Amino acid sequence: MDAKEIGAILRKLREEKKETKRHVAKTTGCSYASICAYEYGNRIPCDEVKVKLASHFGTTVEKIFFANQ
């Protein structure tokens, strides 16, 4: 999966929970700028952050970051 596809998935998961980017940043320990970069498809998170995001959204790393592979 490319960064844009991952960003779209992350944005969809966040919007489904009706959360702000700031809330996701605060609860995962990431910066707001990083969450924005992930959602816009400018960056892909490191493995540690992938685990935090998957846990936050109640899903698996595989479903977010490797779904189409």
Protein backbone atom coordinates (compact mmCIF):
# COMPACT_ATOMS: atom_id res chain seq x y z
CA MET A 1 0.00 0.00 0.00
CA ASP A 2 1.21 3.49 -0.67
CA ALA A 3 1.18 6.41 1.75
CA LYS A 4 -1.94 8.01 0.20
CA GLU A 5 -3.99 4.81 0.64
CA ILE A 6 -2.82 4.43 4.23
CA GLY A 7 -3.68 8.06 4.91
CA ALA A 8 -7.19 7.60 3.57
CA ILE A 9 -7.70 4.58 5.83
CA LEU A 10 -6.42 6.44 8.88
CA ARG A 11 -8.65 9.44 8.12
CA LYS A 12 -11.68 7.17 7.66
CA LEU A 13 -11.04 5.38 10.95
CA ARG A 14 -10.65 8.70 12.78
CA GLU A 15 -13.79 10.18 11.26
CA GLU A 16 -15.81 7.05 12.07
CA LYS A 17 -14.89 7.57 15.73
CA LYS A 18 -15.69 11.29 15.39
CA GLU A 19 -12.28 12.23 16.73
CA THR A 20 -10.03 15.15 15.92
CA LYS A 21 -6.45 14.78 14.74
CA ARG A 22 -5.39 16.45 17.99
CA HIS A 23 -7.21 13.81 20.03
CA VAL A 24 -5.54 10.98 18.10
CA ALA A 25 -2.17 12.67 18.53
CA LYS A 26 -2.66 13.08 22.26
CA THR A 27 -3.87 9.53 22.90
CA THR A 28 -1.18 7.87 20.79
CA GLY A 29 1.72 10.07 21.90
CA CYS A 30 2.33 11.33 18.37
CA SER A 31 2.57 14.94 17.35
CA TYR A 32 -0.31 16.66 15.62
CA ALA A 33 1.99 17.34 12.66
CA SER A 34 2.78 13.63 12.36
CA ILE A 35 -0.90 12.65 12.37
CA CYS A 36 -1.53 15.23 9.65
CA ALA A 37 1.40 13.93 7.60
CA TYR A 38 0.14 10.35 7.89
CA GLU A 39 -3.41 11.28 6.85
CA TYR A 40 -2.25 13.42 3.93
CA GLY A 41 -0.05 10.58 2.72
CA ASN A 42 3.18 12.50 3.14
CA ARG A 43 4.70 9.98 5.55
CA ILE A 44 4.22 6.41 6.70
CA PRO A 45 4.55 5.85 10.45
CA CYS A 46 7.34 3.76 11.94
CA ASP A 47 6.45 0.31 13.25
CA GLU A 48 6.02 1.49 16.84
CA VAL A 49 3.52 4.15 15.79
CA LYS A 50 1.69 1.68 13.52
CA VAL A 51 1.04 -0.48 16.60
CA LYS A 52 -0.18 2.53 18.61
CA LEU A 53 -2.53 3.66 15.84
CA ALA A 54 -3.95 0.18 15.30
CA SER A 55 -4.55 -0.20 19.04
CA HIS A 56 -6.18 3.23 19.23
CA PHE A 57 -8.57 2.37 16.41
CA GLY A 58 -9.27 -1.14 17.70
CA THR A 59 -7.91 -2.96 14.67
CA THR A 60 -4.72 -4.63 13.51
CA VAL A 61 -1.62 -3.23 11.87
CA GLU A 62 -2.22 -5.59 8.96
CA LYS A 63 -5.71 -4.23 8.27
CA ILE A 64 -4.51 -0.63 8.16
CA PHE A 65 -1.10 -0.87 6.55
CA PHE A 66 -1.09 -4.11 4.54
CA ALA A 67 -4.74 -4.61 3.50
CA ASN A 68 -4.18 -4.67 -0.27
CA GLN A 69 -0.93 -6.59 -0.40
